[in-house]
Amino acid sequence: MSNQNLASRDAAVIWHPFTQHQIEPISIPIASGKGAHLFDTDGKKYIDAISSWWVNTHGHGHPYLAEKVYEQALQLEQVIFAGFTHEPAVQLSERLLAHLPANFERVFFSDNGSTAVEVAIKMALQFYHNQGNTKRRKILAFQDAYHGDTFGAMSLGAPSSFNAPFQDMLFEVEFLPSPQDTDACIAAMSAADESYAAFIFEPLIQGAGGMKMYEASTLDTLIQIAREKGILCIADEIMTGFGRTGKWFAMDYLAQKPDIVCFSKGLTGGMMAMGLTLCSEQIFQSFLSDDRRKMMFHSHSFTANPLACAAANASLDLMEKEETWESIARVESRHHEFAATITEHPILKNVRIHGTILAMEVETGEADGYLHSIRDDIYQYFLKEGILMRPLGNTIYILAPYCIEDEDLAYIYGKITAFAQGLI
């Protein structure tokens, strides 16, 4: 079936996410994927430079992931997770905890990143509620934060176009200054009182806020201050987890460890939807009681779905291979080589790298921002050149599958330079 035919049928019945259909009426029909490439129904190839919204770590159509999900589907595809368990979930929990700091001892399953964050906030608030502490009801987050699109997760996001229609319906959150402004951010944290239950953060990189990167030492100080004040610390590793920053997790760069961590996206290698919220034994113990009202009232129909667990276990198999880490190091090295060629470029500014993530802004003479009008020009230019690159306003970034080849990276770098040259 041709692109035009399928796109027309799509436009008649589907409402797409983060899409203004008045000015973006047509979606590109994708027929298949292999490695770092996507292929539309007319056979055109696109380099997936953003891992299809940051989820695909090992490449599309990975035979090992597909094989393991298939094997699990023949064994057990779904079972209620209240009062029942299964090997894939237990195995996944044991394996993940082995890669995390020792203070993490419990794993709670959900369906996606937003709900993993919702669970984390409920854990933190109920931790104090179960102890009879009714004072700690507020949350701290960063300026430019983004933690998802459900109502709780929206509350944690700094006021922006993402949540503007609902702002008066969101719960109270105090936003610390940008962690890039170290002194101001630390001063604000130091002023926090005993009304705060939790501090949530995207460790080292604020993704949707513009791939803004900040120092591990700043976050270490903030966590230490929060802990001294009895404030639980929540790391949103939904984007940064599973090798994106060059280590297993962004928290691996920290001396101070969080109390709760959220995972999704790369967790299953892009195969299946799944969210996880992991916490300390202390937090888990606060929910134990003869009173059922103190239990965790949260679930999803597909909690710990065996197929998703099988995909996550298979992805961990690949993450534990030396070749994967060699690929991660290779991608980071190529990014640095490219960055060195554009440090003095008049249009490309603030070039930055953390692990496999490369980001920069296109200088326009206007303020940077998610709704910057140049976004559509960037997006369409790269699509025409066979590259899926979804800019954050005037912020261009690469967050590709680890299997991406040097030839594809060189092609992307060349097109970034060509686009910028066209603006001079």
Protein backbone atom coordinates (compact mmCIF):
# COMPACT_ATOMS: atom_id res chain seq x y z
CA MET A 1 0.00 0.00 0.00
CA SER A 2 1.41 3.42 -0.97
CA ASN A 3 2.30 6.22 1.42
CA GLN A 4 -0.46 8.43 0.04
CA ASN A 5 -3.18 5.81 0.46
CA LEU A 6 -2.31 4.87 4.04
CA ALA A 7 -1.65 8.48 5.05
CA SER A 8 -5.10 9.49 3.79
CA ARG A 9 -6.79 6.71 5.75
CA ASP A 10 -4.78 7.68 8.84
CA ALA A 11 -5.74 11.35 8.53
CA ALA A 12 -9.43 10.41 8.49
CA VAL A 13 -9.46 8.46 11.75
CA ILE A 14 -6.39 8.97 13.97
CA TRP A 15 -5.50 11.71 16.47
CA HIS A 16 -1.70 11.72 16.89
CA PRO A 17 0.24 12.79 20.01
CA PHE A 18 2.08 16.13 20.14
CA THR A 19 0.63 16.96 16.72
CA GLN A 20 -1.20 20.09 15.61
CA HIS A 21 -3.34 18.53 12.91
CA GLN A 22 -4.32 21.90 11.44
CA ILE A 23 -0.75 22.42 10.21
CA GLU A 24 0.55 18.82 10.33
CA PRO A 25 -2.24 16.87 8.61
CA ILE A 26 -0.18 14.04 7.12
CA SER A 27 1.78 11.35 8.98
CA ILE A 28 4.44 9.25 7.26
CA PRO A 29 3.42 5.56 7.04
CA ILE A 30 6.23 3.31 8.24
CA ALA A 31 6.24 -0.30 7.04
CA SER A 32 9.32 -1.75 8.74
CA GLY A 33 12.50 -1.08 10.65
CA LYS A 34 15.96 -2.62 10.75
CA GLY A 35 18.85 -1.50 12.89
CA ALA A 36 18.98 2.30 12.97
CA HIS A 37 16.71 2.57 9.91
CA LEU A 38 12.98 2.94 9.30
CA PHE A 39 11.36 2.28 5.92
CA ASP A 40 8.12 3.84 4.74
CA THR A 41 5.53 2.11 2.58
CA ASP A 42 7.13 3.54 -0.58
CA GLY A 43 10.51 2.13 0.42
CA LYS A 44 12.18 5.41 1.49
CA LYS A 45 14.76 4.94 4.24
CA TYR A 46 15.06 7.16 7.31
CA ILE A 47 17.86 7.13 9.87
CA ASP A 48 16.18 7.04 13.28
CA ALA A 49 18.36 9.67 14.96
CA ILE A 50 16.13 9.90 18.05
CA SER A 51 15.47 6.18 18.74
CA SER A 52 11.75 6.71 18.05
CA TRP A 53 11.16 8.98 21.05
CA TRP A 54 14.20 7.72 22.95
CA VAL A 55 13.01 4.12 23.43
CA ASN A 56 14.91 2.04 20.89
CA THR A 57 18.34 1.21 22.33
CA HIS A 58 19.46 -1.82 20.28
CA GLY A 59 17.93 -1.06 16.89
CA HIS A 60 14.69 -1.91 15.13
CA GLY A 61 13.73 -5.47 14.23
CA HIS A 62 16.29 -6.99 16.58
CA PRO A 63 15.96 -10.77 16.12
CA TYR A 64 16.98 -11.68 19.66
CA LEU A 65 14.39 -9.41 21.26
CA ALA A 66 11.71 -10.68 18.89
CA GLU A 67 12.64 -14.30 19.58
CA LYS A 68 12.39 -13.89 23.36
CA VAL A 69 9.02 -12.14 23.18
CA TYR A 70 7.75 -14.89 20.85
CA GLU A 71 8.94 -17.63 23.20
CA GLN A 72 7.21 -15.93 26.12
CA ALA A 73 3.97 -15.48 24.15
CA LEU A 74 3.75 -19.24 23.71
CA GLN A 75 4.29 -19.76 27.46
CA LEU A 76 2.33 -17.01 29.25
CA GLU A 77 1.15 -13.75 27.71
CA GLN A 78 -0.65 -12.17 30.70
CA VAL A 79 -1.69 -12.84 34.30
CA ILE A 80 -3.06 -10.59 37.03
CA PHE A 81 -0.16 -9.36 39.19
CA ALA A 82 -2.15 -8.98 42.42
CA GLY A 83 -1.73 -12.23 44.32
CA PHE A 84 0.18 -13.86 41.44
CA THR A 85 3.73 -13.65 40.10
CA HIS A 86 5.85 -15.18 37.35
CA GLU A 87 9.47 -15.92 36.52
CA PRO A 88 10.09 -13.10 33.97
CA ALA A 89 9.07 -10.43 36.52
CA VAL A 90 11.12 -11.89 39.37
CA GLN A 91 14.13 -12.40 37.13
CA LEU A 92 13.92 -8.85 35.77
CA SER A 93 13.70 -7.41 39.28
CA GLU A 94 16.66 -9.41 40.55
CA ARG A 95 18.80 -8.49 37.56
CA LEU A 96 18.01 -4.79 37.66
CA LEU A 97 18.66 -4.50 41.38
CA ALA A 98 22.06 -6.08 40.82
CA HIS A 99 23.00 -3.13 38.60
CA LEU A 100 21.73 -0.49 41.05
CA PRO A 101 23.10 0.96 44.30
CA ALA A 102 22.56 -1.28 47.32
CA ASN A 103 19.85 0.95 48.85
CA PHE A 104 17.39 -0.14 46.14
CA GLU A 105 15.60 -3.32 47.17
CA ARG A 106 12.01 -3.21 45.85
CA VAL A 107 10.52 -3.00 42.33
CA PHE A 108 7.01 -1.75 41.49
CA PHE A 109 5.70 -2.39 37.96
CA SER A 110 3.55 -0.09 35.83
CA ASP A 111 2.97 0.66 32.15
CA ASN A 112 5.01 3.70 31.03
CA GLY A 113 7.17 6.60 32.12
CA SER A 114 4.40 8.93 33.28
CA THR A 115 2.86 6.25 35.47
CA ALA A 116 6.26 5.26 36.86
CA VAL A 117 6.55 8.88 38.00
CA GLU A 118 3.00 8.89 39.39
CA VAL A 119 3.88 5.80 41.44
CA ALA A 120 7.05 7.46 42.74
CA ILE A 121 5.15 10.53 43.96
CA LYS A 122 2.47 8.36 45.59
CA MET A 123 5.21 6.33 47.31
CA ALA A 124 6.84 9.48 48.69
CA LEU A 125 3.64 11.14 49.90
CA GLN A 126 2.19 7.98 51.41
CA PHE A 127 5.54 7.15 53.06
CA TYR A 128 4.95 10.10 55.37
CA HIS A 129 1.18 9.71 55.54
CA ASN A 130 1.52 6.12 56.79
CA GLN A 131 3.69 7.43 59.63
CA GLY A 132 1.09 10.00 60.61
CA ASN A 133 3.11 12.91 59.22
CA THR A 134 0.57 15.19 57.55
CA LYS A 135 2.93 18.16 57.16
CA ARG A 136 5.00 16.83 54.26
CA ARG A 137 2.69 17.29 51.28
CA LYS A 138 4.69 19.38 48.81
CA ILE A 139 7.17 18.50 46.07
CA LEU A 140 10.33 20.14 44.75
CA ALA A 141 11.32 19.98 41.07
CA PHE A 142 13.53 21.90 38.66
CA GLN A 143 12.74 24.82 36.43
CA ASP A 144 12.23 23.46 32.87
CA ALA A 145 11.33 20.04 34.31
CA TYR A 146 9.28 17.54 32.33
CA HIS A 147 8.13 14.26 33.85
CA GLY A 148 5.19 13.15 31.72
CA ASP A 149 1.66 13.98 30.66
CA THR A 150 -0.67 12.43 33.25
CA PHE A 151 -2.00 14.90 35.84
CA GLY A 152 0.46 14.10 38.60
CA ALA A 153 3.37 14.10 36.17
CA MET A 154 2.16 17.38 34.64
CA SER A 155 2.14 18.96 38.11
CA LEU A 156 5.85 18.16 38.36
CA GLY A 157 6.59 19.89 35.06
CA ALA A 158 7.44 23.57 35.19
CA PRO A 159 4.58 25.77 33.87
CA SER A 160 4.76 25.72 30.08
CA SER A 161 2.73 25.08 26.95
CA PHE A 162 2.71 21.39 27.93
CA ASN A 163 0.40 21.97 30.88
CA ALA A 164 -0.99 25.52 30.51
CA PRO A 165 -4.69 24.53 30.03
CA PHE A 166 -4.61 22.59 33.30
CA GLN A 167 -2.36 24.77 35.46
CA ASP A 168 -5.04 25.73 37.99
CA MET A 169 -5.90 22.03 38.49
CA LEU A 170 -2.39 20.80 39.31
CA PHE A 171 -1.07 20.20 42.83
CA GLU A 172 1.46 22.45 44.50
CA VAL A 173 5.08 22.10 43.40
CA GLU A 174 7.96 24.49 44.02
CA PHE A 175 10.39 24.84 41.15
CA LEU A 176 14.03 25.31 41.99
CA PRO A 177 16.14 27.51 39.69
CA SER A 178 17.87 25.72 36.84
CA PRO A 179 20.58 23.33 38.07
CA GLN A 180 22.83 25.07 35.55
CA ASP A 181 22.63 28.03 37.96
CA THR A 182 24.33 26.09 40.72
CA ASP A 183 24.47 28.72 43.48
CA ALA A 184 20.85 29.85 43.12
CA CYS A 185 19.60 26.28 42.92
CA ILE A 186 21.49 25.19 46.04
CA ALA A 187 20.34 28.29 47.93
CA ALA A 188 16.70 27.52 47.10
CA MET A 189 17.08 23.90 48.23
CA SER A 190 18.73 25.07 51.45
CA ALA A 191 15.66 27.21 52.17
CA ALA A 192 13.20 24.28 51.87
CA ASP A 193 11.28 23.49 55.05
CA GLU A 194 9.63 20.39 56.52
CA SER A 195 6.52 20.76 54.33
CA TYR A 196 8.33 19.01 51.45
CA ALA A 197 8.02 15.27 50.97
CA ALA A 198 10.11 14.76 47.83
CA PHE A 199 12.54 16.24 45.36
CA ILE A 200 12.22 14.87 41.82
CA PHE A 201 14.78 15.45 39.08
CA GLU A 202 16.01 14.31 35.70
CA PRO A 203 19.61 13.43 36.57
CA LEU A 204 22.27 15.36 34.63
CA ILE A 205 20.12 15.98 31.52
CA GLN A 206 16.74 17.70 31.29
CA GLY A 207 15.37 16.05 28.16
CA ALA A 208 12.17 17.70 26.90
CA GLY A 209 13.31 20.96 28.48
CA GLY A 210 15.92 21.20 25.73
CA MET A 211 18.55 18.54 26.49
CA LYS A 212 19.94 20.85 29.15
CA MET A 213 22.99 19.31 30.83
CA TYR A 214 24.34 20.09 34.27
CA GLU A 215 27.05 18.90 36.66
CA ALA A 216 26.87 15.78 38.83
CA SER A 217 28.48 17.74 41.68
CA THR A 218 25.50 20.12 41.72
CA LEU A 219 23.05 17.25 42.01
CA ASP A 220 25.16 15.57 44.70
CA THR A 221 24.93 18.72 46.81
CA LEU A 222 21.18 19.05 46.27
CA ILE A 223 20.53 15.41 47.23
CA GLN A 224 22.70 15.74 50.34
CA ILE A 225 20.81 18.86 51.49
CA ALA A 226 17.45 17.24 50.74
CA ARG A 227 18.38 14.12 52.69
CA GLU A 228 19.45 16.19 55.70
CA LYS A 229 15.99 17.77 55.63
CA GLY A 230 14.19 14.41 55.41
CA ILE A 231 13.12 15.02 51.80
CA LEU A 232 12.97 11.85 49.67
CA CYS A 233 14.90 12.08 46.39
CA ILE A 234 13.39 10.71 43.16
CA ALA A 235 15.51 10.19 40.04
CA ASP A 236 13.53 10.22 36.79
CA GLU A 237 15.84 8.02 34.68
CA ILE A 238 13.20 7.36 32.04
CA MET A 239 15.34 8.97 29.32
CA THR A 240 18.82 8.70 30.87
CA GLY A 241 18.74 5.02 31.88
CA PHE A 242 20.33 2.03 30.18
CA GLY A 243 23.51 3.48 28.73
CA ARG A 244 22.34 6.80 27.33
CA THR A 245 24.79 8.81 29.43
CA GLY A 246 27.70 6.41 28.90
CA LYS A 247 27.07 4.46 32.10
CA TRP A 248 24.25 2.11 33.05
CA PHE A 249 22.38 4.97 34.73
CA ALA A 250 22.95 8.67 35.19
CA MET A 251 22.97 8.09 38.96
CA ASP A 252 26.19 6.15 38.46
CA TYR A 253 27.94 9.52 38.15
CA LEU A 254 26.67 10.53 41.60
CA ALA A 255 28.20 10.04 45.03
CA GLN A 256 24.78 10.68 46.61
CA LYS A 257 22.11 8.18 45.54
CA PRO A 258 18.35 8.78 45.26
CA ASP A 259 15.73 6.96 47.33
CA ILE A 260 13.42 6.21 44.40
CA VAL A 261 14.13 5.78 40.68
CA CYS A 262 11.81 5.62 37.65
CA PHE A 263 12.53 3.64 34.47
CA SER A 264 10.76 3.18 31.13
CA LYS A 265 11.72 3.93 27.47
CA GLY A 266 14.97 1.94 26.96
CA LEU A 267 13.95 -0.58 29.62
CA THR A 268 12.60 -3.04 27.04
CA GLY A 269 14.88 -1.99 24.19
CA GLY A 270 11.89 -0.36 22.50
CA MET A 271 9.96 -3.63 22.14
CA MET A 272 7.12 -3.23 24.65
CA ALA A 273 5.55 -0.63 26.93
CA MET A 274 6.64 -0.90 30.57
CA GLY A 275 7.40 1.32 33.55
CA LEU A 276 9.24 0.54 36.78
CA THR A 277 9.57 2.42 40.06
CA LEU A 278 12.26 1.12 42.40
CA CYS A 279 12.70 2.13 46.02
CA SER A 280 14.52 1.42 49.26
CA GLU A 281 13.45 -1.21 51.77
CA GLN A 282 12.70 1.61 54.22
CA ILE A 283 10.03 3.01 51.93
CA PHE A 284 8.56 -0.44 51.30
CA GLN A 285 8.44 -1.18 55.03
CA SER A 286 6.40 1.97 55.67
CA PHE A 287 3.52 0.39 53.72
CA LEU A 288 3.48 -2.83 55.79
CA SER A 289 0.60 -2.97 58.25
CA ASP A 290 -2.36 -5.02 59.43
CA ASP A 291 -4.40 -2.10 58.13
CA ARG A 292 -5.10 -2.57 54.41
CA ARG A 293 -5.61 1.18 54.08
CA LYS A 294 -1.82 1.60 54.31
CA MET A 295 -1.06 -0.54 51.24
CA MET A 296 -0.09 0.88 47.84
CA PHE A 297 -3.36 1.57 46.02
CA HIS A 298 -2.02 1.55 42.48
CA SER A 299 -2.24 -0.91 39.61
CA HIS A 300 -2.66 -1.28 35.85
CA SER A 301 -4.32 -4.10 33.96
CA PHE A 302 -1.00 -5.00 32.33
CA THR A 303 1.18 -4.58 35.41
CA ALA A 304 4.31 -6.75 34.99
CA ASN A 305 3.02 -8.09 31.68
CA PRO A 306 5.08 -11.25 30.98
CA LEU A 307 5.74 -10.26 27.35
CA ALA A 308 7.13 -6.87 28.41
CA CYS A 309 9.19 -8.55 31.14
CA ALA A 310 10.61 -10.97 28.57
CA ALA A 311 11.52 -8.04 26.32
CA ALA A 312 13.21 -6.23 29.23
CA ASN A 313 15.17 -9.35 30.20
CA ALA A 314 16.28 -9.80 26.59
CA SER A 315 17.32 -6.15 26.42
CA LEU A 316 19.34 -6.64 29.62
CA ASP A 317 21.05 -9.61 27.96
CA LEU A 318 22.19 -7.25 25.21
CA MET A 319 23.11 -4.47 27.65
CA GLU A 320 25.36 -6.90 29.51
CA LYS A 321 27.37 -7.68 26.37
CA GLU A 322 30.73 -5.99 25.91
CA GLU A 323 29.86 -5.14 22.29
CA THR A 324 27.01 -2.88 23.42
CA TRP A 325 29.32 -0.80 25.59
CA GLU A 326 31.88 -0.66 22.81
CA SER A 327 29.15 0.78 20.56
CA ILE A 328 28.16 3.32 23.22
CA ALA A 329 31.79 4.44 23.55
CA ARG A 330 32.15 4.58 19.76
CA VAL A 331 29.08 6.79 19.34
CA GLU A 332 30.28 9.14 22.07
CA SER A 333 33.71 9.33 20.43
CA ARG A 334 32.19 10.20 17.04
CA HIS A 335 30.09 12.93 18.68
CA HIS A 336 33.21 14.49 20.17
CA GLU A 337 35.01 14.37 16.84
CA PHE A 338 32.11 16.15 15.14
CA ALA A 339 31.71 18.69 17.96
CA ALA A 340 35.36 19.67 17.57
CA THR A 341 34.66 20.73 13.98
CA ILE A 342 31.84 23.15 14.87
CA THR A 343 33.01 24.79 18.09
CA GLU A 344 33.33 28.17 16.36
CA HIS A 345 30.34 27.80 14.05
CA PRO A 346 28.34 31.06 13.79
CA ILE A 347 24.95 29.30 13.74
CA LEU A 348 25.41 26.18 15.89
CA LYS A 349 25.90 27.14 19.53
CA ASN A 350 26.21 25.51 22.95
CA VAL A 351 27.33 22.17 21.53
CA ARG A 352 27.26 19.60 24.33
CA ILE A 353 27.67 15.85 24.77
CA HIS A 354 26.89 13.37 27.49
CA GLY A 355 27.42 9.73 26.55
CA THR A 356 25.49 8.98 23.35
CA ILE A 357 23.54 12.27 23.49
CA LEU A 358 24.68 15.20 21.35
CA ALA A 359 22.77 18.49 21.48
CA MET A 360 23.11 22.08 20.28
CA GLU A 361 21.01 25.15 19.53
CA VAL A 362 20.48 26.84 16.19
CA GLU A 363 21.21 30.54 16.64
CA THR A 364 18.30 32.62 15.36
CA GLY A 365 18.74 35.92 17.18
CA GLU A 366 15.63 35.07 19.20
CA ALA A 367 15.07 33.37 22.55
CA ASP A 368 15.52 29.60 22.64
CA GLY A 369 12.39 27.55 23.30
CA TYR A 370 10.27 24.49 22.58
CA LEU A 371 7.78 26.39 20.39
CA HIS A 372 10.39 28.26 18.37
CA SER A 373 9.13 28.65 14.80
CA ILE A 374 12.33 27.26 13.25
CA ARG A 375 11.41 23.85 14.64
CA ASP A 376 9.26 22.98 11.62
CA ASP A 377 11.99 24.04 9.18
CA ILE A 378 14.52 21.81 10.95
CA TYR A 379 12.15 18.85 11.13
CA GLN A 380 11.10 19.00 7.48
CA TYR A 381 14.66 19.54 6.23
CA PHE A 382 15.95 16.40 7.91
CA LEU A 383 12.94 14.31 6.88
CA LYS A 384 13.57 15.30 3.27
CA GLU A 385 17.18 14.18 3.73
CA GLY A 386 16.09 10.81 5.14
CA ILE A 387 16.69 11.53 8.84
CA LEU A 388 14.14 11.34 11.64
CA MET A 389 15.21 14.19 13.91
CA ARG A 390 12.50 15.77 16.06
CA PRO A 391 13.98 19.03 17.36
CA LEU A 392 12.99 20.60 20.67
CA GLY A 393 12.23 24.03 19.26
CA ASN A 394 15.58 25.33 18.01
CA THR A 395 17.47 22.57 19.85
CA ILE A 396 18.88 19.87 17.57
CA TYR A 397 19.92 16.63 19.21
CA ILE A 398 20.99 13.09 18.32
CA LEU A 399 19.89 10.20 20.54
CA ALA A 400 20.23 7.21 18.23
CA PRO A 401 20.18 3.43 18.75
CA TYR A 402 23.58 2.17 19.87
CA CYS A 403 23.91 0.07 16.71
CA ILE A 404 23.98 3.13 14.45
CA GLU A 405 26.92 2.90 12.06
CA ASP A 406 29.65 5.49 11.63
CA GLU A 407 28.50 6.08 8.07
CA ASP A 408 25.04 7.08 9.25
CA LEU A 409 26.44 9.32 11.96
CA ALA A 410 28.71 11.04 9.43
CA TYR A 411 25.71 11.57 7.15
CA ILE A 412 23.70 13.15 10.01
CA TYR A 413 26.62 15.38 11.00
CA GLY A 414 27.00 16.52 7.42
CA LYS A 415 23.33 17.42 7.13
CA ILE A 416 23.43 19.36 10.41
CA THR A 417 26.30 21.40 9.04
CA ALA A 418 24.59 21.85 5.68
CA PHE A 419 21.38 23.07 7.33
CA ALA A 420 23.30 25.57 9.46
CA GLN A 421 25.30 26.79 6.44
CA GLY A 422 22.03 27.46 4.66
CA LEU A 423 21.09 29.95 7.40
CA ILE A 424 24.23 32.06 7.07
